[in-house]
Amino acid sequence: MSALRSGIKNSSSLGLVVKPVWTGGVSGSTAARLSGNLRLFQPKTTIMAATRSLSTQVSPLQSTHPRPSPPTQATVLGNASRKYSQTARRSTPEAALKPGANGYAADIAEATAVAQQPIIHDVYESKTGTWQYIVVDPSTNKAVIIDPALDYDPATQTITFTTADALLSLVREKGYIVDMILETHAHADHLTAASYLQSRLEQEQGDRPFIGIGKRIGQVQKLFGQKYGVPVEEMEGAFDKLFDDDEVFHVGNLEATALHLPGHTPDHLGYKIGDHVFCGDSLLNVDIGTARCDFPGGSAQDLFKSGRRLLSLPDHVKIWNGHDYPSSTRTDPVPYVTVGSHREHNKHLMDGATEDQYVSLRRQRDATMGEPRLLHQSLQINIRGGRLPEPTESGQRFVHLPLKMLVEEW
């Protein structure tokens, strides 16, 4: 099948099993079950008329490779909002686009402006439950990679690159040009592959993509740099771009915005690109609710406000998760849920939830949670932007693991 050729080359050599899956949407009802992954980002008017599209699912790394169709006039209307898609359904595309047709002439320019949407590849790393994204402007093939992960075995202290190399293979196969590697925050549950990818991409494409993160990363670096004894010079220049709150930037010709979403951590950002928000560890899938808030600088009050800010967006906007943790009732990870589905079904932040209720629930839940398995290793690498610690005189590189003693010192 041609669809199986798009994406990761030589998957068998990486120990990956490729199997076809059908694309599908996440409606309000299916969000409650969280079954199926939407992979092809077309408006309802296009999906209803089109035949099913075949994408790929890769395990343990799940990657999808959407094949967007050229936007039709009906698609242009369908992408703008529900009223545009209704217009397209009840009249011909030509009639809907005529000045004054159906009363929407004044909105045609707006509909055209929002019609162009990114291509999105979601890649799931199962050991840490991490969703990674390659987001592409189809008009230029310019791309960003969001929250990439290294593979790390704490039993042997070994870093490997299967996950990151799969991202590189997909970029290479599609002919994308990666301009940016974006971090939503300094992660505490996996090691970022940002620096590794930056180096490899510079070798392959000539231009060096910059690594971006929110401007408050300095607070996190100072706190954990002191805790772990990380030399200041190893954190200086770790990130090439520090985004201001609500700063506008571009992915190719697509407009994007860096949204400050504090709560999980104080430096946390989300990235809005078209009708998609990559929210990192703020909102999770509706049956999980939200991320924990008990890290230094975390705040349940802030996360409530950040979550409700996201849920004030139009219902059709898709919120892409930084993590997912399938359960006994839901075996497949799901990369996104729409704003509308979150408002109806999110167990923590659905419409009607109050801040006091949420803060109480979040604090009770956080009190029962242990620390992330890779907490110490992740933070020491991630405040360096993914760069490794400098070697000692022996040539070895080290991270520090604090001892916990249940007795007094002797």
Protein backbone atom coordinates (compact mmCIF):
# COMPACT_ATOMS: atom_id res chain seq x y z
CA MET A 1 0.00 0.00 0.00
CA SER A 2 1.34 3.42 -0.91
CA ALA A 3 0.19 4.82 2.42
CA LEU A 4 2.55 2.50 4.23
CA ARG A 5 5.50 3.93 2.34
CA SER A 6 4.94 7.44 3.69
CA GLY A 7 6.71 8.25 6.92
CA ILE A 8 9.30 6.08 8.61
CA LYS A 9 11.76 4.28 6.34
CA ASN A 10 13.07 0.83 7.19
CA SER A 11 10.72 0.53 10.12
CA SER A 12 11.58 -3.12 10.58
CA SER A 13 15.16 -2.21 11.37
CA LEU A 14 13.89 0.01 14.20
CA GLY A 15 11.82 -2.76 15.70
CA LEU A 16 8.59 -1.03 14.68
CA VAL A 17 5.45 -2.80 13.58
CA VAL A 18 3.46 -0.95 10.93
CA LYS A 19 -0.24 -1.57 10.57
CA PRO A 20 -2.96 0.34 8.72
CA VAL A 21 -5.70 2.17 10.58
CA TRP A 22 -8.67 4.14 9.32
CA THR A 23 -8.92 7.82 9.96
CA GLY A 24 -11.84 9.06 11.99
CA GLY A 25 -13.11 12.05 13.93
CA VAL A 26 -13.58 12.69 17.64
CA SER A 27 -17.14 13.88 18.09
CA GLY A 28 -18.81 14.69 21.37
CA SER A 29 -20.06 11.13 21.80
CA THR A 30 -16.84 9.41 20.82
CA ALA A 31 -14.83 11.74 23.03
CA ALA A 32 -16.57 10.15 25.98
CA ARG A 33 -15.20 6.79 24.84
CA LEU A 34 -11.99 8.27 23.42
CA SER A 35 -11.79 5.66 20.73
CA GLY A 36 -10.08 6.31 17.41
CA ASN A 37 -7.63 8.96 16.26
CA LEU A 38 -8.40 11.71 13.79
CA ARG A 39 -5.50 12.01 11.40
CA LEU A 40 -6.68 13.94 8.34
CA PHE A 41 -7.61 17.49 9.18
CA GLN A 42 -10.40 18.41 6.80
CA PRO A 43 -13.66 20.16 7.68
CA LYS A 44 -16.84 18.15 8.06
CA THR A 45 -18.03 19.13 4.61
CA THR A 46 -14.99 17.51 3.08
CA ILE A 47 -14.99 14.43 5.31
CA MET A 48 -18.64 13.69 4.57
CA ALA A 49 -18.04 13.78 0.83
CA ALA A 50 -14.67 12.08 0.74
CA THR A 51 -13.82 8.42 0.88
CA ARG A 52 -11.98 7.20 3.94
CA SER A 53 -8.26 7.94 3.92
CA LEU A 54 -5.70 5.40 4.98
CA SER A 55 -2.93 6.47 7.34
CA THR A 56 -0.37 4.46 9.28
CA GLN A 57 -0.12 3.50 12.90
CA VAL A 58 3.29 2.54 14.24
CA SER A 59 3.87 0.69 17.47
CA PRO A 60 5.49 1.41 19.89
CA LEU A 61 5.94 4.69 18.01
CA GLN A 62 2.67 5.68 16.42
CA SER A 63 3.05 8.01 13.49
CA THR A 64 0.48 9.26 11.03
CA HIS A 65 1.01 10.84 7.67
CA PRO A 66 -2.01 12.79 6.48
CA ARG A 67 -2.42 13.51 2.80
CA PRO A 68 -4.33 16.78 2.53
CA SER A 69 -6.54 17.42 -0.46
CA PRO A 70 -6.42 20.79 -2.22
CA PRO A 71 -9.05 23.01 -0.57
CA THR A 72 -12.24 23.39 -2.55
CA GLN A 73 -14.50 26.40 -2.19
CA ALA A 74 -16.76 24.32 0.01
CA THR A 75 -13.73 23.42 2.12
CA VAL A 76 -12.85 27.09 2.49
CA LEU A 77 -16.25 27.76 3.92
CA GLY A 78 -16.26 24.63 6.04
CA ASN A 79 -12.99 25.50 7.70
CA ALA A 80 -14.08 28.91 8.90
CA SER A 81 -16.82 27.91 11.30
CA ARG A 82 -20.01 25.92 11.55
CA LYS A 83 -22.03 28.58 9.76
CA TYR A 84 -19.74 28.39 6.74
CA SER A 85 -20.04 24.61 6.52
CA GLN A 86 -23.84 24.91 6.76
CA THR A 87 -23.73 27.42 3.91
CA ALA A 88 -21.69 25.05 1.79
CA ARG A 89 -24.07 22.16 2.41
CA ARG A 90 -27.27 23.96 1.56
CA SER A 91 -26.02 25.61 -1.61
CA THR A 92 -23.46 25.03 -4.30
CA PRO A 93 -19.91 26.24 -3.55
CA GLU A 94 -20.22 28.78 -6.36
CA ALA A 95 -23.45 30.21 -4.97
CA ALA A 96 -22.04 30.32 -1.43
CA LEU A 97 -19.08 32.39 -2.60
CA LYS A 98 -21.10 34.97 -4.57
CA PRO A 99 -21.29 38.38 -2.91
CA GLY A 100 -24.42 38.48 -0.80
CA ALA A 101 -25.16 34.78 -1.12
CA ASN A 102 -26.88 33.45 2.01
CA GLY A 103 -25.99 36.64 3.87
CA TYR A 104 -22.30 35.77 4.36
CA ALA A 105 -20.60 38.03 1.82
CA ALA A 106 -18.86 40.06 4.51
CA ASP A 107 -17.32 36.90 5.96
CA ILE A 108 -15.83 35.42 2.79
CA ALA A 109 -12.45 37.08 3.27
CA GLU A 110 -12.31 35.78 6.83
CA ALA A 111 -13.24 32.28 5.68
CA THR A 112 -10.51 32.30 3.05
CA ALA A 113 -7.94 33.57 5.55
CA VAL A 114 -8.52 30.72 8.00
CA ALA A 115 -8.94 27.99 5.42
CA GLN A 116 -5.27 27.06 5.23
CA GLN A 117 -4.48 24.59 8.00
CA PRO A 118 -1.30 22.72 8.87
CA ILE A 119 -0.44 19.14 8.16
CA ILE A 120 0.07 17.41 11.52
CA HIS A 121 1.99 14.22 12.20
CA ASP A 122 1.48 12.84 15.70
CA VAL A 123 4.06 10.36 17.00
CA TYR A 124 3.48 8.55 20.29
CA GLU A 125 6.31 7.31 22.50
CA SER A 126 4.76 4.63 24.67
CA LYS A 127 7.32 4.24 27.47
CA THR A 128 6.81 7.79 28.72
CA GLY A 129 3.34 8.28 27.23
CA THR A 130 4.60 11.27 25.25
CA TRP A 131 2.95 12.75 22.16
CA GLN A 132 5.36 14.46 19.77
CA TYR A 133 4.28 16.52 16.78
CA ILE A 134 5.59 17.58 13.42
CA VAL A 135 3.50 20.53 12.20
CA VAL A 136 3.89 21.61 8.59
CA ASP A 137 2.82 24.50 6.39
CA PRO A 138 1.69 22.67 3.22
CA SER A 139 2.37 25.73 1.04
CA THR A 140 6.09 25.86 1.87
CA ASN A 141 6.94 22.49 3.50
CA LYS A 142 8.35 24.48 6.42
CA ALA A 143 7.87 22.59 9.68
CA VAL A 144 8.25 22.70 13.44
CA ILE A 145 8.78 19.77 15.79
CA ILE A 146 7.06 20.03 19.16
CA ASP A 147 8.22 18.25 22.35
CA PRO A 148 10.49 15.55 20.86
CA ALA A 149 11.79 12.81 23.18
CA LEU A 150 14.98 10.80 23.59
CA ASP A 151 14.88 7.17 24.69
CA TYR A 152 16.38 6.65 28.13
CA ASP A 153 16.83 3.46 30.14
CA PRO A 154 17.29 4.27 33.85
CA ALA A 155 18.43 0.74 34.64
CA THR A 156 21.52 1.05 32.44
CA GLN A 157 21.69 4.88 32.21
CA THR A 158 21.64 4.52 28.43
CA ILE A 159 20.38 7.13 25.97
CA THR A 160 19.28 5.88 22.55
CA PHE A 161 17.67 7.57 19.57
CA THR A 162 15.00 5.31 18.06
CA THR A 163 12.22 7.80 18.73
CA ALA A 164 14.14 10.86 17.56
CA ASP A 165 15.48 9.08 14.49
CA ALA A 166 11.93 8.12 13.54
CA LEU A 167 11.06 11.83 13.50
CA LEU A 168 14.08 12.52 11.30
CA SER A 169 13.08 9.72 8.93
CA LEU A 170 9.61 11.16 8.57
CA VAL A 171 10.98 14.65 7.91
CA ARG A 172 13.42 13.26 5.36
CA GLU A 173 10.79 11.13 3.62
CA LYS A 174 8.40 14.06 3.25
CA GLY A 175 11.03 16.60 2.26
CA TYR A 176 10.16 18.97 5.10
CA ILE A 177 12.40 21.83 6.18
CA VAL A 178 12.42 22.17 9.96
CA ASP A 179 12.86 25.77 11.09
CA MET A 180 12.07 25.36 14.77
CA ILE A 181 12.03 22.81 17.57
CA LEU A 182 9.53 23.97 20.17
CA GLU A 183 9.36 22.97 23.82
CA THR A 184 6.19 23.61 25.78
CA HIS A 185 8.16 23.56 29.07
CA ALA A 186 11.06 21.89 30.85
CA HIS A 187 9.67 18.37 31.07
CA ALA A 188 10.06 16.22 34.17
CA ASP A 189 9.11 12.87 32.65
CA HIS A 190 11.24 12.47 29.55
CA LEU A 191 14.51 13.74 28.11
CA THR A 192 14.10 16.20 25.27
CA ALA A 193 15.61 15.37 21.89
CA ALA A 194 15.74 19.06 20.91
CA SER A 195 19.53 19.43 20.86
CA TYR A 196 20.08 16.07 19.15
CA LEU A 197 17.57 16.91 16.42
CA GLN A 198 19.00 20.40 16.00
CA SER A 199 22.45 18.95 15.33
CA ARG A 200 21.25 16.26 12.94
CA LEU A 201 18.95 18.60 11.04
CA GLU A 202 21.70 21.16 10.59
CA GLN A 203 23.87 18.45 9.05
CA GLU A 204 21.10 17.31 6.71
CA GLN A 205 19.42 20.55 5.65
CA GLY A 206 22.22 23.09 6.07
CA ASP A 207 20.19 25.55 8.12
CA ARG A 208 20.21 25.18 11.89
CA PRO A 209 16.69 25.13 13.36
CA PHE A 210 16.35 27.14 16.54
CA ILE A 211 15.09 25.72 19.82
CA GLY A 212 12.28 27.78 21.35
CA ILE A 213 10.62 27.85 24.77
CA GLY A 214 8.82 30.35 27.00
CA LYS A 215 10.67 33.32 28.46
CA ARG A 216 10.26 32.09 32.05
CA ILE A 217 12.58 29.13 31.51
CA GLY A 218 15.26 31.14 33.34
CA GLN A 219 13.32 30.76 36.60
CA VAL A 220 13.25 26.99 36.14
CA GLN A 221 16.93 26.84 35.19
CA LYS A 222 17.94 28.83 38.28
CA LEU A 223 15.88 26.64 40.62
CA PHE A 224 16.92 23.25 39.31
CA GLY A 225 20.41 24.30 38.28
CA GLN A 226 21.13 25.07 41.93
CA LYS A 227 19.39 21.91 43.13
CA TYR A 228 21.38 19.62 40.87
CA GLY A 229 24.62 21.58 40.74
CA VAL A 230 24.39 22.29 37.01
CA PRO A 231 27.06 24.86 36.02
CA VAL A 232 25.52 28.12 34.81
CA GLU A 233 27.58 28.03 31.62
CA GLU A 234 25.97 24.71 30.66
CA MET A 235 22.55 26.36 30.70
CA GLU A 236 23.51 29.62 28.99
CA GLY A 237 22.36 29.72 25.38
CA ALA A 238 20.55 26.39 25.71
CA PHE A 239 17.53 27.94 23.98
CA ASP A 240 17.77 30.12 20.89
CA LYS A 241 14.37 31.76 21.19
CA LEU A 242 12.47 32.79 24.33
CA PHE A 243 8.85 33.52 23.48
CA ASP A 244 6.94 36.36 25.07
CA ASP A 245 3.36 35.75 26.19
CA ASP A 246 1.05 35.70 23.17
CA GLU A 247 3.94 36.36 20.79
CA VAL A 248 3.03 35.83 17.15
CA PHE A 249 5.40 33.93 14.89
CA HIS A 250 5.12 31.96 11.66
CA VAL A 251 5.47 28.38 10.50
CA GLY A 252 6.10 28.99 6.83
CA ASN A 253 3.12 31.12 5.85
CA LEU A 254 0.96 29.97 8.77
CA GLU A 255 0.49 32.33 11.69
CA ALA A 256 1.19 30.87 15.11
CA THR A 257 0.90 32.20 18.66
CA ALA A 258 2.80 31.28 21.83
CA LEU A 259 0.19 31.04 24.62
CA HIS A 260 1.32 31.27 28.24
CA LEU A 261 -0.44 28.40 30.06
CA PRO A 262 0.93 28.34 33.62
CA GLY A 263 -0.18 25.84 36.22
CA HIS A 264 1.67 22.60 35.57
CA THR A 265 4.87 24.66 35.58
CA PRO A 266 5.33 28.45 35.63
CA ASP A 267 7.12 28.53 32.26
CA HIS A 268 4.53 26.48 30.40
CA LEU A 269 3.49 27.48 26.87
CA GLY A 270 1.04 26.19 24.31
CA TYR A 271 1.40 26.82 20.58
CA LYS A 272 -1.64 27.74 18.51
CA ILE A 273 -1.19 27.08 14.79
CA GLY A 274 -4.30 27.51 12.67
CA ASP A 275 -7.22 25.80 14.39
CA HIS A 276 -4.90 23.66 16.52
CA VAL A 277 -3.36 24.20 19.95
CA PHE A 278 -0.45 22.06 21.15
CA CYS A 279 -1.03 22.41 24.86
CA GLY A 280 1.79 20.34 26.35
CA ASP A 281 1.01 19.19 29.90
CA SER A 282 -1.97 21.39 30.68
CA LEU A 283 -5.14 19.72 29.41
CA LEU A 284 -5.01 15.95 28.99
CA ASN A 285 -7.64 13.69 27.47
CA VAL A 286 -11.14 14.10 28.85
CA ASP A 287 -11.08 10.93 30.95
CA ILE A 288 -7.85 12.10 32.65
CA GLY A 289 -8.64 15.80 32.91
CA THR A 290 -5.58 17.93 33.54
CA ALA A 291 -1.90 17.63 34.41
CA ARG A 292 -0.53 17.68 37.95
CA CYS A 293 0.33 20.99 39.61
CA ASP A 294 2.64 19.97 42.47
CA PHE A 295 5.98 20.80 40.85
CA PRO A 296 7.88 23.86 42.12
CA GLY A 297 6.07 26.93 40.83
CA GLY A 298 3.02 24.88 39.88
CA SER A 299 -0.44 26.19 40.75
CA ALA A 300 -3.85 24.59 40.54
CA GLN A 301 -5.44 28.03 40.44
CA ASP A 302 -3.27 28.98 37.47
CA LEU A 303 -4.01 25.74 35.65
CA PHE A 304 -7.74 26.24 36.10
CA LYS A 305 -7.44 29.66 34.46
CA SER A 306 -5.19 28.30 31.70
CA GLY A 307 -7.58 25.44 31.01
CA ARG A 308 -10.60 27.69 30.86
CA ARG A 309 -8.68 30.04 28.56
CA LEU A 310 -8.21 27.15 26.15
CA LEU A 311 -11.85 26.16 26.46
CA SER A 312 -12.95 29.68 25.54
CA LEU A 313 -11.72 29.00 22.00
CA PRO A 314 -14.28 27.95 19.34
CA ASP A 315 -15.65 24.45 19.78
CA HIS A 316 -14.03 23.08 16.60
CA VAL A 317 -10.47 23.97 17.67
CA LYS A 318 -8.40 20.86 18.41
CA ILE A 319 -6.37 20.62 21.62
CA TRP A 320 -3.37 18.33 21.11
CA ASN A 321 -2.11 16.61 24.26
CA GLY A 322 1.47 16.41 25.47
CA HIS A 323 0.80 13.01 27.03
CA ASP A 324 -1.76 10.26 27.12
CA TYR A 325 -2.02 7.24 29.38
CA PRO A 326 -4.39 4.59 28.02
CA SER A 327 -6.23 2.53 30.62
CA SER A 328 -7.99 -0.81 30.86
CA THR A 329 -11.07 0.79 29.32
CA ARG A 330 -9.17 2.61 26.57
CA THR A 331 -6.24 0.80 24.98
CA ASP A 332 -5.23 3.29 22.29
CA PRO A 333 -3.65 6.68 22.97
CA VAL A 334 -5.57 9.64 21.55
CA PRO A 335 -3.65 12.74 20.42
CA TYR A 336 -6.35 15.39 20.56
CA VAL A 337 -9.85 16.34 21.65
CA THR A 338 -11.85 19.32 20.41
CA VAL A 339 -12.64 22.27 22.63
CA GLY A 340 -16.32 21.38 22.42
CA SER A 341 -15.68 17.84 23.64
CA HIS A 342 -13.52 19.11 26.51
CA ARG A 343 -16.30 21.47 27.57
CA GLU A 344 -18.79 18.59 27.62
CA HIS A 345 -16.64 15.75 28.96
CA ASN A 346 -13.38 16.87 30.64
CA LYS A 347 -13.57 15.32 34.11
CA HIS A 348 -11.86 18.32 35.70
CA LEU A 349 -12.78 21.34 33.61
CA MET A 350 -16.09 20.68 31.89
CA ASP A 351 -18.54 23.55 31.79
CA GLY A 352 -19.93 24.18 35.25
CA ALA A 353 -16.76 23.31 37.17
CA THR A 354 -15.74 26.05 39.60
CA GLU A 355 -12.22 27.11 40.50
CA ASP A 356 -12.65 26.08 44.13
CA GLN A 357 -13.91 22.64 43.14
CA TYR A 358 -11.06 22.17 40.72
CA VAL A 359 -8.34 23.32 43.13
CA SER A 360 -9.61 20.97 45.83
CA LEU A 361 -9.84 18.02 43.46
CA ARG A 362 -6.42 18.71 41.91
CA ARG A 363 -4.66 19.01 45.26
CA GLN A 364 -6.22 15.79 46.54
CA ARG A 365 -5.14 13.96 43.42
CA ASP A 366 -1.60 15.39 43.45
CA ALA A 367 -1.13 14.32 47.06
CA THR A 368 -1.45 10.67 45.97
CA MET A 369 0.99 10.84 43.06
CA GLY A 370 4.61 9.72 43.21
CA GLU A 371 7.39 11.57 41.45
CA PRO A 372 7.89 10.87 37.73
CA ARG A 373 10.18 7.93 37.04
CA LEU A 374 12.71 10.05 35.12
CA LEU A 375 12.30 13.24 37.14
CA HIS A 376 15.93 13.89 38.05
CA GLN A 377 17.49 12.81 34.78
CA SER A 378 14.92 14.70 32.72
CA LEU A 379 15.23 18.02 34.49
CA GLN A 380 19.04 18.05 34.37
CA ILE A 381 19.06 17.45 30.62
CA ASN A 382 16.05 19.59 29.79
CA ILE A 383 17.20 22.78 31.51
CA ARG A 384 20.23 22.43 29.23
CA GLY A 385 17.91 22.37 26.20
CA GLY A 386 18.70 18.69 25.64
CA ARG A 387 22.47 19.12 25.68
CA LEU A 388 24.45 16.56 27.61
CA PRO A 389 26.47 17.43 30.72
CA GLU A 390 30.10 18.26 30.02
CA PRO A 391 32.41 15.26 30.54
CA THR A 392 34.60 15.05 33.60
CA GLU A 393 38.36 14.52 33.42
CA SER A 394 37.66 10.80 33.13
CA GLY A 395 35.64 11.42 29.98
CA GLN A 396 32.37 10.34 31.62
CA ARG A 397 29.18 12.40 31.71
CA PHE A 398 27.06 12.36 34.85
CA VAL A 399 23.65 13.36 36.14
CA HIS A 400 23.00 13.62 39.87
CA LEU A 401 20.47 11.43 41.67
CA PRO A 402 19.60 12.53 45.21
CA LEU A 403 19.71 9.95 47.97
CA LYS A 404 16.68 9.49 50.16
CA MET A 405 17.37 8.19 53.66
CA LEU A 406 14.76 7.01 56.11
CA VAL A 407 17.17 7.23 59.04
CA GLU A 408 19.33 10.00 60.41
CA GLU A 409 22.83 10.46 59.05
CA TRP A 410 25.52 8.33 60.68
